[in-house]
C-alpha atoms as a PDB file:
ATOM      1  CA  UNK A   1     112.180  83.846  90.745  1.00  0.00           C
ATOM      2  CA  UNK A   2     111.668  80.108  91.046  1.00  0.00           C
ATOM      3  CA  UNK A   3     110.262  78.549  94.212  1.00  0.00           C
ATOM      4  CA  UNK A   4     110.206  75.064  95.681  1.00  0.00           C
ATOM      5  CA  UNK A   5     106.635  74.136  96.576  1.00  0.00           C
ATOM      6  CA  UNK A   6     106.579  71.492  99.313  1.00  0.00           C
ATOM      7  CA  UNK A   7     103.158  69.896  99.750  1.00  0.00           C
ATOM      8  CA  UNK A   8     102.435  68.029 103.009  1.00  0.00           C
ATOM      9  CA  UNK A   9      99.269  65.919 103.041  1.00  0.00           C
ATOM     10  CA  UNK A  10      97.366  66.123 106.319  1.00  0.00           C
ATOM     11  CA  UNK A  11      93.834  66.429 107.737  1.00  0.00           C
ATOM     12  CA  UNK A  12      91.642  69.465 108.464  1.00  0.00           C
ATOM     13  CA  UNK A  13      92.547  69.036 112.151  1.00  0.00           C
ATOM     14  CA  UNK A  14      96.243  68.491 111.451  1.00  0.00           C
ATOM     15  CA  UNK A  15      96.705  71.502 109.164  1.00  0.00           C
ATOM     16  CA  UNK A  16      97.283  73.890 112.065  1.00  0.00           C
ATOM     17  CA  UNK A  17      99.951  71.595 113.555  1.00  0.00           C
ATOM     18  CA  UNK A  18     101.759  71.375 110.211  1.00  0.00           C
ATOM     19  CA  UNK A  19     101.528  75.146 109.797  1.00  0.00           C
ATOM     20  CA  UNK A  20     102.979  75.674 113.282  1.00  0.00           C
ATOM     21  CA  UNK A  21     105.842  73.298 112.486  1.00  0.00           C
ATOM     22  CA  UNK A  22     106.680  75.210 109.296  1.00  0.00           C
ATOM     23  CA  UNK A  23     106.445  78.551 111.075  1.00  0.00           C
ATOM     24  CA  UNK A  24     108.797  77.330 113.804  1.00  0.00           C
ATOM     25  CA  UNK A  25     111.203  76.195 111.090  1.00  0.00           C
ATOM     26  CA  UNK A  26     111.340  79.760 109.767  1.00  0.00           C
ATOM     27  CA  UNK A  27     109.012  79.438 106.770  1.00  0.00           C
ATOM     28  CA  UNK A  28     106.401  82.196 106.493  1.00  0.00           C
ATOM     29  CA  UNK A  29     105.195  81.607 102.913  1.00  0.00           C
ATOM     30  CA  UNK A  30     102.561  78.959 103.601  1.00  0.00           C
ATOM     31  CA  UNK A  31      99.180  78.091 102.082  1.00  0.00           C
ATOM     32  CA  UNK A  32      96.647  75.801 103.788  1.00  0.00           C
ATOM     33  CA  UNK A  33      94.354  73.978 101.358  1.00  0.00           C
ATOM     34  CA  UNK A  34      91.230  72.384 102.789  1.00  0.00           C
ATOM     35  CA  UNK A  35      89.884  69.081 101.561  1.00  0.00           C
ATOM     36  CA  UNK A  36      87.677  69.023  98.477  1.00  0.00           C
ATOM     37  CA  UNK A  37      84.886  67.683 100.684  1.00  0.00           C
ATOM     38  CA  UNK A  38      85.152  70.637 103.105  1.00  0.00           C
ATOM     39  CA  UNK A  39      85.245  73.145 100.261  1.00  0.00           C
ATOM     40  CA  UNK A  40      82.221  71.552  98.589  1.00  0.00           C
ATOM     41  CA  UNK A  41      80.284  71.796 101.875  1.00  0.00           C
ATOM     42  CA  UNK A  42      81.269  75.455 102.258  1.00  0.00           C
ATOM     43  CA  UNK A  43      80.305  76.276  98.662  1.00  0.00           C
ATOM     44  CA  UNK A  44      76.936  74.592  99.111  1.00  0.00           C
ATOM     45  CA  UNK A  45      76.282  76.530 102.319  1.00  0.00           C
ATOM     46  CA  UNK A  46      77.164  79.915 100.803  1.00  0.00           C
ATOM     47  CA  UNK A  47      76.179  79.496  97.132  1.00  0.00           C
ATOM     48  CA  UNK A  48      73.618  82.333  97.158  1.00  0.00           C
ATOM     49  CA  UNK A  49      76.437  84.854  97.658  1.00  0.00           C
ATOM     50  CA  UNK A  50      78.413  84.082  94.482  1.00  0.00           C
ATOM     51  CA  UNK A  51      77.835  83.030  90.859  1.00  0.00           C
ATOM     52  CA  UNK A  52      80.080  80.025  90.193  1.00  0.00           C
ATOM     53  CA  UNK A  53      82.896  78.067  91.788  1.00  0.00           C
ATOM     54  CA  UNK A  54      84.307  74.646  90.924  1.00  0.00           C
ATOM     55  CA  UNK A  55      85.584  72.693  93.951  1.00  0.00           C
ATOM     56  CA  UNK A  56      87.822  70.615  91.665  1.00  0.00           C
ATOM     57  CA  UNK A  57      89.590  73.785  90.505  1.00  0.00           C
ATOM     58  CA  UNK A  58      89.766  75.274  93.994  1.00  0.00           C
ATOM     59  CA  UNK A  59      91.058  72.061  95.585  1.00  0.00           C
ATOM     60  CA  UNK A  60      92.888  69.930  92.999  1.00  0.00           C
ATOM     61  CA  UNK A  61      93.931  67.518  95.774  1.00  0.00           C
ATOM     62  CA  UNK A  62      91.225  65.394  97.379  1.00  0.00           C
ATOM     63  CA  UNK A  63      92.646  65.705 100.892  1.00  0.00           C
ATOM     64  CA  UNK A  64      93.762  68.699 102.965  1.00  0.00           C
ATOM     65  CA  UNK A  65      97.359  69.778 102.514  1.00  0.00           C
ATOM     66  CA  UNK A  66      99.742  72.490 103.640  1.00  0.00           C
ATOM     67  CA  UNK A  67     102.067  73.995 101.043  1.00  0.00           C
ATOM     68  CA  UNK A  68     105.313  75.742 101.927  1.00  0.00           C
ATOM     69  CA  UNK A  69     107.125  77.943  99.426  1.00  0.00           C
ATOM     70  CA  UNK A  70     110.908  78.289  99.652  1.00  0.00           C
ATOM     71  CA  UNK A  71     113.052  80.308  97.244  1.00  0.00           C
ATOM     72  CA  UNK A  72     114.904  77.951  94.897  1.00  0.00           C
ATOM     73  CA  UNK A  73     118.437  79.030  95.766  1.00  0.00           C
ATOM     74  CA  UNK A  74     121.397  76.912  96.979  1.00  0.00           C
ATOM     75  CA  UNK A  75     121.379  78.574 100.398  1.00  0.00           C
ATOM     76  CA  UNK A  76     117.963  77.064 101.159  1.00  0.00           C
ATOM     77  CA  UNK A  77     118.962  73.421 100.696  1.00  0.00           C
ATOM     78  CA  UNK A  78     119.349  72.951 104.461  1.00  0.00           C
ATOM     79  CA  UNK A  79     115.964  74.575 105.098  1.00  0.00           C
ATOM     80  CA  UNK A  80     114.285  72.143 102.719  1.00  0.00           C
ATOM     81  CA  UNK A  81     115.996  69.228 104.476  1.00  0.00           C
ATOM     82  CA  UNK A  82     114.753  70.611 107.792  1.00  0.00           C
ATOM     83  CA  UNK A  83     111.142  70.513 106.570  1.00  0.00           C
ATOM     84  CA  UNK A  84     111.489  66.806 105.830  1.00  0.00           C
ATOM     85  CA  UNK A  85     113.135  66.194 109.223  1.00  0.00           C
ATOM     86  CA  UNK A  86     110.546  68.139 111.226  1.00  0.00           C
ATOM     87  CA  UNK A  87     107.672  66.485 109.359  1.00  0.00           C
ATOM     88  CA  UNK A  88     109.095  63.067 110.251  1.00  0.00           C
ATOM     89  CA  UNK A  89     109.273  64.139 113.913  1.00  0.00           C
ATOM     90  CA  UNK A  90     105.668  65.342 113.800  1.00  0.00           C
ATOM     91  CA  UNK A  91     104.538  61.844 112.824  1.00  0.00           C
ATOM     92  CA  UNK A  92     105.810  60.546 116.163  1.00  0.00           C
ATOM     93  CA  UNK A  93     104.214  63.193 118.392  1.00  0.00           C
ATOM     94  CA  UNK A  94     100.940  62.337 120.137  1.00  0.00           C
ATOM     95  CA  UNK A  95      98.720  65.387 119.561  1.00  0.00           C
ATOM     96  CA  UNK A  96      95.360  63.886 120.422  1.00  0.00           C
ATOM     97  CA  UNK A  97      94.040  64.092 116.860  1.00  0.00           C
ATOM     98  CA  UNK A  98      94.782  62.570 113.459  1.00  0.00           C
ATOM     99  CA  UNK A  99      97.371  64.513 111.447  1.00  0.00           C
ATOM    100  CA  UNK A 100      97.032  62.256 108.411  1.00  0.00           C
ATOM    101  CA  UNK A 101      99.765  60.649 106.328  1.00  0.00           C
ATOM    102  CA  UNK A 102     102.106  63.699 106.286  1.00  0.00           C
ATOM    103  CA  UNK A 103     103.219  62.471 102.870  1.00  0.00           C
ATOM    104  CA  UNK A 104     105.507  65.032 101.215  1.00  0.00           C
ATOM    105  CA  UNK A 105     105.875  65.984  97.552  1.00  0.00           C
ATOM    106  CA  UNK A 106     107.866  68.824  96.007  1.00  0.00           C
ATOM    107  CA  UNK A 107     107.968  70.702  92.720  1.00  0.00           C
ATOM    108  CA  UNK A 108     109.373  73.926  91.249  1.00  0.00           C
ATOM    109  CA  UNK A 109     106.937  76.777  90.511  1.00  0.00           C
ATOM    110  CA  UNK A 110     107.149  80.337  89.202  1.00  0.00           C
ATOM    111  CA  UNK A 111     106.627  83.362  91.449  1.00  0.00           C
ATOM    112  CA  UNK A 112     103.182  84.249  90.091  1.00  0.00           C
ATOM    113  CA  UNK A 113     101.933  80.675  90.362  1.00  0.00           C
ATOM    114  CA  UNK A 114     101.822  80.678  94.156  1.00  0.00           C
ATOM    115  CA  UNK A 115     101.656  84.334  95.208  1.00  0.00           C
ATOM    116  CA  UNK A 116      98.180  84.713  93.696  1.00  0.00           C
ATOM    117  CA  UNK A 117      96.846  81.149  93.840  1.00  0.00           C
ATOM    118  CA  UNK A 118      95.374  81.667  97.328  1.00  0.00           C
ATOM    119  CA  UNK A 119      92.779  84.008  95.794  1.00  0.00           C
ATOM    120  CA  UNK A 120      91.033  81.026  94.211  1.00  0.00           C
ATOM    121  CA  UNK A 121      90.083  79.768  97.673  1.00  0.00           C
ATOM    122  CA  UNK A 122      88.602  83.031  98.903  1.00  0.00           C
ATOM    123  CA  UNK A 123      84.826  83.317  98.461  1.00  0.00           C
ATOM    124  CA  UNK A 124      82.192  85.510 100.167  1.00  0.00           C
ATOM    125  CA  UNK A 125      81.509  84.348 103.721  1.00  0.00           C
ATOM    126  CA  UNK A 126      78.349  85.216 105.680  1.00  0.00           C
ATOM    127  CA  UNK A 127      79.188  85.524 109.380  1.00  0.00           C
ATOM    128  CA  UNK A 128      76.728  85.877 112.229  1.00  0.00           C
ATOM    129  CA  UNK A 129      73.452  87.618 111.483  1.00  0.00           C
ATOM    130  CA  UNK A 130      74.685  90.913 110.072  1.00  0.00           C
ATOM    131  CA  UNK A 131      77.965  90.651 108.176  1.00  0.00           C
ATOM    132  CA  UNK A 132      79.244  89.305 104.871  1.00  0.00           C
ATOM    133  CA  UNK A 133      83.007  89.151 104.256  1.00  0.00           C
ATOM    134  CA  UNK A 134      84.061  89.225 100.614  1.00  0.00           C
ATOM    135  CA  UNK A 135      87.276  89.479  98.558  1.00  0.00           C
ATOM    136  CA  UNK A 136      87.943  93.029  97.401  1.00  0.00           C
ATOM    137  CA  UNK A 137      88.280  91.869  93.782  1.00  0.00           C
ATOM    138  CA  UNK A 138      84.987  89.983  93.580  1.00  0.00           C
ATOM    139  CA  UNK A 139      81.418  91.187  93.096  1.00  0.00           C
ATOM    140  CA  UNK A 140      78.968  89.746  95.583  1.00  0.00           C
ATOM    141  CA  UNK A 141      75.297  88.894  95.685  1.00  0.00           C
ATOM    142  CA  UNK A 142      73.726  90.067  98.934  1.00  0.00           C
ATOM    143  CA  UNK A 143      70.086  88.966  99.038  1.00  0.00           C
ATOM    144  CA  UNK A 144      69.925  89.262 102.838  1.00  0.00           C
ATOM    145  CA  UNK A 145      71.079  92.888 102.912  1.00  0.00           C
ATOM    146  CA  UNK A 146      74.048  92.162 105.169  1.00  0.00           C
ATOM    147  CA  UNK A 147      76.743  94.725 105.947  1.00  0.00           C
ATOM    148  CA  UNK A 148      79.616  93.867 103.592  1.00  0.00           C
ATOM    149  CA  UNK A 149      83.258  93.794 104.695  1.00  0.00           C
ATOM    150  CA  UNK A 150      85.553  94.021 101.678  1.00  0.00           C
ATOM    151  CA  UNK A 151      88.938  92.482 102.433  1.00  0.00           C
ATOM    152  CA  UNK A 152      92.305  91.917 100.778  1.00  0.00           C
ATOM    153  CA  UNK A 153      94.442  90.152 103.388  1.00  0.00           C
ATOM    154  CA  UNK A 154      97.357  89.438 101.059  1.00  0.00           C
ATOM    155  CA  UNK A 155      99.359  86.260 101.613  1.00  0.00           C
ATOM    156  CA  UNK A 156     100.388  87.248 105.146  1.00  0.00           C
ATOM    157  CA  UNK A 157      97.079  87.267 107.028  1.00  0.00           C
ATOM    158  CA  UNK A 158      93.863  85.259 107.107  1.00  0.00           C
ATOM    159  CA  UNK A 159      90.728  85.865 105.073  1.00  0.00           C
ATOM    160  CA  UNK A 160      88.134  85.575 107.828  1.00  0.00           C
ATOM    161  CA  UNK A 161      87.083  82.056 106.890  1.00  0.00           C
ATOM    162  CA  UNK A 162      88.773  80.356 109.846  1.00  0.00           C
ATOM    163  CA  UNK A 163      86.480  79.142 112.612  1.00  0.00           C
ATOM    164  CA  UNK A 164      88.184  81.275 115.256  1.00  0.00           C
ATOM    165  CA  UNK A 165      87.719  84.499 113.285  1.00  0.00           C
ATOM    166  CA  UNK A 166      84.091  83.718 112.545  1.00  0.00           C
ATOM    167  CA  UNK A 167      83.343  83.064 116.220  1.00  0.00           C
ATOM    168  CA  UNK A 168      85.008  86.351 117.206  1.00  0.00           C
ATOM    169  CA  UNK A 169      82.912  88.283 114.700  1.00  0.00           C
ATOM    170  CA  UNK A 170      79.720  86.648 115.961  1.00  0.00           C
ATOM    171  CA  UNK A 171      80.636  87.669 119.510  1.00  0.00           C
ATOM    172  CA  UNK A 172      81.421  91.213 118.363  1.00  0.00           C
ATOM    173  CA  UNK A 173      77.882  91.318 116.972  1.00  0.00           C
ATOM    174  CA  UNK A 174      76.595  90.505 120.457  1.00  0.00           C
ATOM    175  CA  UNK A 175      78.681  93.077 122.306  1.00  0.00           C
ATOM    176  CA  UNK A 176      79.677  96.125 120.247  1.00  0.00           C
ATOM    177  CA  UNK A 177      77.576  99.240 120.764  1.00  0.00           C
ATOM    178  CA  UNK A 178      77.716 102.750 119.359  1.00  0.00           C
ATOM    179  CA  UNK A 179      80.466 104.928 120.851  1.00  0.00           C
ATOM    180  CA  UNK A 180      82.468 101.847 121.984  1.00  0.00           C
ATOM    181  CA  UNK A 181      86.260 101.806 121.867  1.00  0.00           C
ATOM    182  CA  UNK A 182      87.552  98.380 120.778  1.00  0.00           C
ATOM    183  CA  UNK A 183      91.039  96.865 121.038  1.00  0.00           C
ATOM    184  CA  UNK A 184      92.180  93.972 118.826  1.00  0.00           C
ATOM    185  CA  UNK A 185      95.401  92.307 119.986  1.00  0.00           C
ATOM    186  CA  UNK A 186      96.844  90.362 117.059  1.00  0.00           C
ATOM    187  CA  UNK A 187      94.881  92.395 114.513  1.00  0.00           C
ATOM    188  CA  UNK A 188      96.426  90.922 111.334  1.00  0.00           C
ATOM    189  CA  UNK A 189      94.375  92.026 108.323  1.00  0.00           C
ATOM    190  CA  UNK A 190      92.197  94.219 110.528  1.00  0.00           C
ATOM    191  CA  UNK A 191      89.068  92.185 109.900  1.00  0.00           C
ATOM    192  CA  UNK A 192      87.923  92.269 113.542  1.00  0.00           C
ATOM    193  CA  UNK A 193      88.664  95.996 113.850  1.00  0.00           C
ATOM    194  CA  UNK A 194      86.716  96.706 110.664  1.00  0.00           C
ATOM    195  CA  UNK A 195      83.836  94.489 111.789  1.00  0.00           C
ATOM    196  CA  UNK A 196      83.646  96.378 115.097  1.00  0.00           C
ATOM    197  CA  UNK A 197      83.634  99.763 113.341  1.00  0.00           C
ATOM    198  CA  UNK A 198      80.959  98.700 110.858  1.00  0.00           C
ATOM    199  CA  UNK A 199      78.899  97.387 113.778  1.00  0.00           C
ATOM    200  CA  UNK A 200      78.947 100.871 115.302  1.00  0.00           C
ATOM    201  CA  UNK A 201      82.091 101.222 117.415  1.00  0.00           C
ATOM    202  CA  UNK A 202      83.469 104.755 117.575  1.00  0.00           C
ATOM    203  CA  UNK A 203      87.155 103.772 117.501  1.00  0.00           C
ATOM    204  CA  UNK A 204      89.249 100.639 117.030  1.00  0.00           C
ATOM    205  CA  UNK A 205      92.845 100.136 118.115  1.00  0.00           C
ATOM    206  CA  UNK A 206      94.926  97.227 116.841  1.00  0.00           C
ATOM    207  CA  UNK A 207      98.283  95.714 117.728  1.00  0.00           C
ATOM    208  CA  UNK A 208     100.305  93.071 115.904  1.00  0.00           C
ATOM    209  CA  UNK A 209     103.863  91.741 115.934  1.00  0.00           C
ATOM    210  CA  UNK A 210     103.978  91.758 112.113  1.00  0.00           C
ATOM    211  CA  UNK A 211     104.848  95.157 110.617  1.00  0.00           C
ATOM    212  CA  UNK A 212     102.817  94.270 107.511  1.00  0.00           C
ATOM    213  CA  UNK A 213      99.686  94.895 109.575  1.00  0.00           C
ATOM    214  CA  UNK A 214     100.260  98.657 109.339  1.00  0.00           C
ATOM    215  CA  UNK A 215      99.592  98.920 105.618  1.00  0.00           C
ATOM    216  CA  UNK A 216      97.242  95.930 105.355  1.00  0.00           C
ATOM    217  CA  UNK A 217      94.832  97.323 107.975  1.00  0.00           C
ATOM    218  CA  UNK A 218      95.030 100.798 106.434  1.00  0.00           C
ATOM    219  CA  UNK A 219      94.293  99.440 102.956  1.00  0.00           C
ATOM    220  CA  UNK A 220      91.403  97.272 104.142  1.00  0.00           C
ATOM    221  CA  UNK A 221      89.888 100.115 106.149  1.00  0.00           C
ATOM    222  CA  UNK A 222      90.050 102.226 102.995  1.00  0.00           C
ATOM    223  CA  UNK A 223      88.258  99.516 101.012  1.00  0.00           C
ATOM    224  CA  UNK A 224      85.394  99.835 103.499  1.00  0.00           C
ATOM    225  CA  UNK A 225      85.246 103.622 103.544  1.00  0.00           C
ATOM    226  CA  UNK A 226      86.439 103.925 107.146  1.00  0.00           C
ATOM    227  CA  UNK A 227      87.839 107.293 108.213  1.00  0.00           C
ATOM    228  CA  UNK A 228      91.530 106.896 109.246  1.00  0.00           C
ATOM    229  CA  UNK A 229      90.769 108.958 112.363  1.00  0.00           C
ATOM    230  CA  UNK A 230      88.637 106.078 113.657  1.00  0.00           C
ATOM    231  CA  UNK A 231      91.450 103.533 113.964  1.00  0.00           C
ATOM    232  CA  UNK A 232      95.072 103.170 115.051  1.00  0.00           C
ATOM    233  CA  UNK A 233      97.521 100.294 114.566  1.00  0.00           C
ATOM    234  CA  UNK A 234     100.654  99.655 116.616  1.00  0.00           C
ATOM    235  CA  UNK A 235     103.436  97.162 115.963  1.00  0.00           C
ATOM    236  CA  UNK A 236     105.154  95.145 118.674  1.00  0.00           C
ATOM    237  CA  UNK A 237     104.730  92.446 121.295  1.00  0.00           C
ATOM    238  CA  UNK A 238     102.174  93.480 123.895  1.00  0.00           C
ATOM    239  CA  UNK A 239     103.776  91.169 126.442  1.00  0.00           C
ATOM    240  CA  UNK A 240     107.311  92.561 126.204  1.00  0.00           C
ATOM    241  CA  UNK A 241     107.247  96.034 124.613  1.00  0.00           C
ATOM    242  CA  UNK A 242     106.872  98.850 127.213  1.00  0.00           C
ATOM    243  CA  UNK A 243     106.301 101.577 124.604  1.00  0.00           C
ATOM    244  CA  UNK A 244     103.526  99.565 122.977  1.00  0.00           C
ATOM    245  CA  UNK A 245     101.881  99.008 126.346  1.00  0.00           C
ATOM    246  CA  UNK A 246     102.040 102.750 126.965  1.00  0.00           C
ATOM    247  CA  UNK A 247     100.340 103.479 123.634  1.00  0.00           C
ATOM    248  CA  UNK A 248      97.558 100.999 124.330  1.00  0.00           C
ATOM    249  CA  UNK A 249      97.045 102.397 127.831  1.00  0.00           C
ATOM    250  CA  UNK A 250      95.941 105.713 126.298  1.00  0.00           C
ATOM    251  CA  UNK A 251      92.390 104.313 126.224  1.00  0.00           C
ATOM    252  CA  UNK A 252      90.040 102.329 128.401  1.00  0.00           C
ATOM    253  CA  UNK A 253      88.247  99.801 126.252  1.00  0.00           C
ATOM    254  CA  UNK A 254      84.632  98.686 126.099  1.00  0.00           C
ATOM    255  CA  UNK A 255      85.587  95.566 124.145  1.00  0.00           C
ATOM    256  CA  UNK A 256      88.905  93.740 123.787  1.00  0.00           C
ATOM    257  CA  UNK A 257      89.266  90.888 121.310  1.00  0.00           C
ATOM    258  CA  UNK A 258      92.223  88.579 120.788  1.00  0.00           C
ATOM    259  CA  UNK A 259      92.291  85.700 118.324  1.00  0.00           C
ATOM    260  CA  UNK A 260      95.743  84.219 118.942  1.00  0.00           C
ATOM    261  CA  UNK A 261      96.624  81.044 120.888  1.00  0.00           C
ATOM    262  CA  UNK A 262      95.901  79.800 124.396  1.00  0.00           C
ATOM    263  CA  UNK A 263      99.498  80.313 125.554  1.00  0.00           C
ATOM    264  CA  UNK A 264      99.511  83.976 124.560  1.00  0.00           C
ATOM    265  CA  UNK A 265      95.978  84.608 125.801  1.00  0.00           C
ATOM    266  CA  UNK A 266      96.752  83.252 129.280  1.00  0.00           C
ATOM    267  CA  UNK A 267      99.738  85.615 129.566  1.00  0.00           C
ATOM    268  CA  UNK A 268      97.716  88.477 128.100  1.00  0.00           C
ATOM    269  CA  UNK A 269      94.755  88.326 130.500  1.00  0.00           C
ATOM    270  CA  UNK A 270      96.302  90.398 133.355  1.00  0.00           C
ATOM    271  CA  UNK A 271      97.144  93.242 130.947  1.00  0.00           C
ATOM    272  CA  UNK A 272      93.672  93.117 129.402  1.00  0.00           C
ATOM    273  CA  UNK A 273      92.203  93.375 132.901  1.00  0.00           C
ATOM    274  CA  UNK A 274      94.051  96.688 133.358  1.00  0.00           C
ATOM    275  CA  UNK A 275      92.826  98.129 130.055  1.00  0.00           C
ATOM    276  CA  UNK A 276      89.158  97.163 130.021  1.00  0.00           C
ATOM    277  CA  UNK A 277      86.313  99.123 131.578  1.00  0.00           C
ATOM    278  CA  UNK A 278      84.204  97.528 134.343  1.00  0.00           C
ATOM    279  CA  UNK A 279      81.448  95.627 132.586  1.00  0.00           C
ATOM    280  CA  UNK A 280      83.509  95.497 129.393  1.00  0.00           C
ATOM    281  CA  UNK A 281      83.630  92.448 127.127  1.00  0.00           C
ATOM    282  CA  UNK A 282      86.781  90.382 126.548  1.00  0.00           C
ATOM    283  CA  UNK A 283      86.558  88.027 123.559  1.00  0.00           C
ATOM    284  CA  UNK A 284      89.274  85.406 123.123  1.00  0.00           C
ATOM    285  CA  UNK A 285      89.683  82.669 120.539  1.00  0.00           C
ATOM    286  CA  UNK A 286      92.347  80.545 118.881  1.00  0.00           C
ATOM    287  CA  UNK A 287      91.908  78.111 121.776  1.00  0.00           C
ATOM    288  CA  UNK A 288      91.973  74.355 121.253  1.00  0.00           C
ATOM    289  CA  UNK A 289      89.491  72.474 123.412  1.00  0.00           C
ATOM    290  CA  UNK A 290      92.036  70.865 125.710  1.00  0.00           C
ATOM    291  CA  UNK A 291      93.336  74.311 126.794  1.00  0.00           C
ATOM    292  CA  UNK A 292      89.923  75.807 127.596  1.00  0.00           C
ATOM    293  CA  UNK A 293      90.054  75.163 131.349  1.00  0.00           C
ATOM    294  CA  UNK A 294      93.411  76.940 131.622  1.00  0.00           C
ATOM    295  CA  UNK A 295      92.043  79.983 129.809  1.00  0.00           C
ATOM    296  CA  UNK A 296      88.911  80.059 131.972  1.00  0.00           C
ATOM    297  CA  UNK A 297      91.052  79.860 135.114  1.00  0.00           C
ATOM    298  CA  UNK A 298      93.197  82.800 133.956  1.00  0.00           C
ATOM    299  CA  UNK A 299      90.081  84.841 133.212  1.00  0.00           C
ATOM    300  CA  UNK A 300      88.527  84.056 136.588  1.00  0.00           C
ATOM    301  CA  UNK A 301      91.722  84.899 138.492  1.00  0.00           C
ATOM    302  CA  UNK A 302      91.849  88.327 136.840  1.00  0.00           C
ATOM    303  CA  UNK A 303      88.298  89.453 137.478  1.00  0.00           C
ATOM    304  CA  UNK A 304      86.522  88.181 134.372  1.00  0.00           C
ATOM    305  CA  UNK A 305      83.368  86.089 134.317  1.00  0.00           C
ATOM    306  CA  UNK A 306      82.715  83.835 131.318  1.00  0.00           C
ATOM    307  CA  UNK A 307      79.380  84.788 129.758  1.00  0.00           C
ATOM    308  CA  UNK A 308      79.380  82.633 126.619  1.00  0.00           C
ATOM    309  CA  UNK A 309      81.446  79.861 125.059  1.00  0.00           C
ATOM    310  CA  UNK A 310      81.228  78.724 121.456  1.00  0.00           C
ATOM    311  CA  UNK A 311      82.841  75.720 119.802  1.00  0.00           C
ATOM    312  CA  UNK A 312      83.454  75.176 116.081  1.00  0.00           C
ATOM    313  CA  UNK A 313      85.175  71.924 115.200  1.00  0.00           C
ATOM    314  CA  UNK A 314      88.063  71.718 117.705  1.00  0.00           C
ATOM    315  CA  UNK A 315      88.268  75.483 118.272  1.00  0.00           C
ATOM    316  CA  UNK A 316      86.800  77.459 121.169  1.00  0.00           C
ATOM    317  CA  UNK A 317      85.925  81.130 121.661  1.00  0.00           C
ATOM    318  CA  UNK A 318      85.048  82.672 125.028  1.00  0.00           C
ATOM    319  CA  UNK A 319      83.123  85.869 125.710  1.00  0.00           C
ATOM    320  CA  UNK A 320      83.781  87.148 129.222  1.00  0.00           C
ATOM    321  CA  UNK A 321      82.739  90.211 131.211  1.00  0.00           C
ATOM    322  CA  UNK A 322      84.953  92.311 133.487  1.00  0.00           C
ATOM    323  CA  UNK A 323      83.461  92.394 136.972  1.00  0.00           C
END
């Protein structure tokens, strides 16, 4: 099959806004490419964990861009037009940060060209003091003797490199103890569930609205030698699905983690308060700085006390304790 690749030039800060616009337009096949400068900095920071990587090959464009892939069929002509229209609207919205030029280019590509290209961007990532996340297809150097998480997220879920995921993993390092039961709401690839289990948790439960999470989490757990009896994954919307809520209520959790968005987190807090044990840890991320106060208020109103806050770029993670 042929695909139309639409490339939208932006900034590191603006990439999430462009992604959200494409997602709202009904496009799920999206790749975010960081700037060559950002990739070079990352490669320099982590070079002891891999043999060779060329930033010019990984990021052929000098600036950050978001690429959308739309099947090249007549029925999608209106969808392509919509991308141009919504991008033009985005230029006129005051978001509080620079979204860049939003210049658009388009070309036709083959199926294999884009469905595997994302793998070029995925390199081993040391996170916190104990863990090293690596692609399942790549050998890794591990001079520090870290616990290795082998991951194949596919094109649907993240790789663990995003700031919000890294902050969540660091907070899991601080909180997870042996025999803990951990819940991950919005589990995606299962990276946070797997991290918790490798850090000593007895069981991890995950929930996600995307049905792909079922097989992706199972496959990734298998890559890391995790017994299937130690984890469960449920599909549905925690906020609206009564049967899903009932399944999650089968446990009381020592740790709950949710790396989603501020809007969802604020609505999720009352339910998390029902599920978590007294003294349990609630880790939330995916929060932009300007929404932090709202999240803290929701936590406080539902019996949580903020114990730690971490900021990476414009993203915030909060570790709170249930009183």
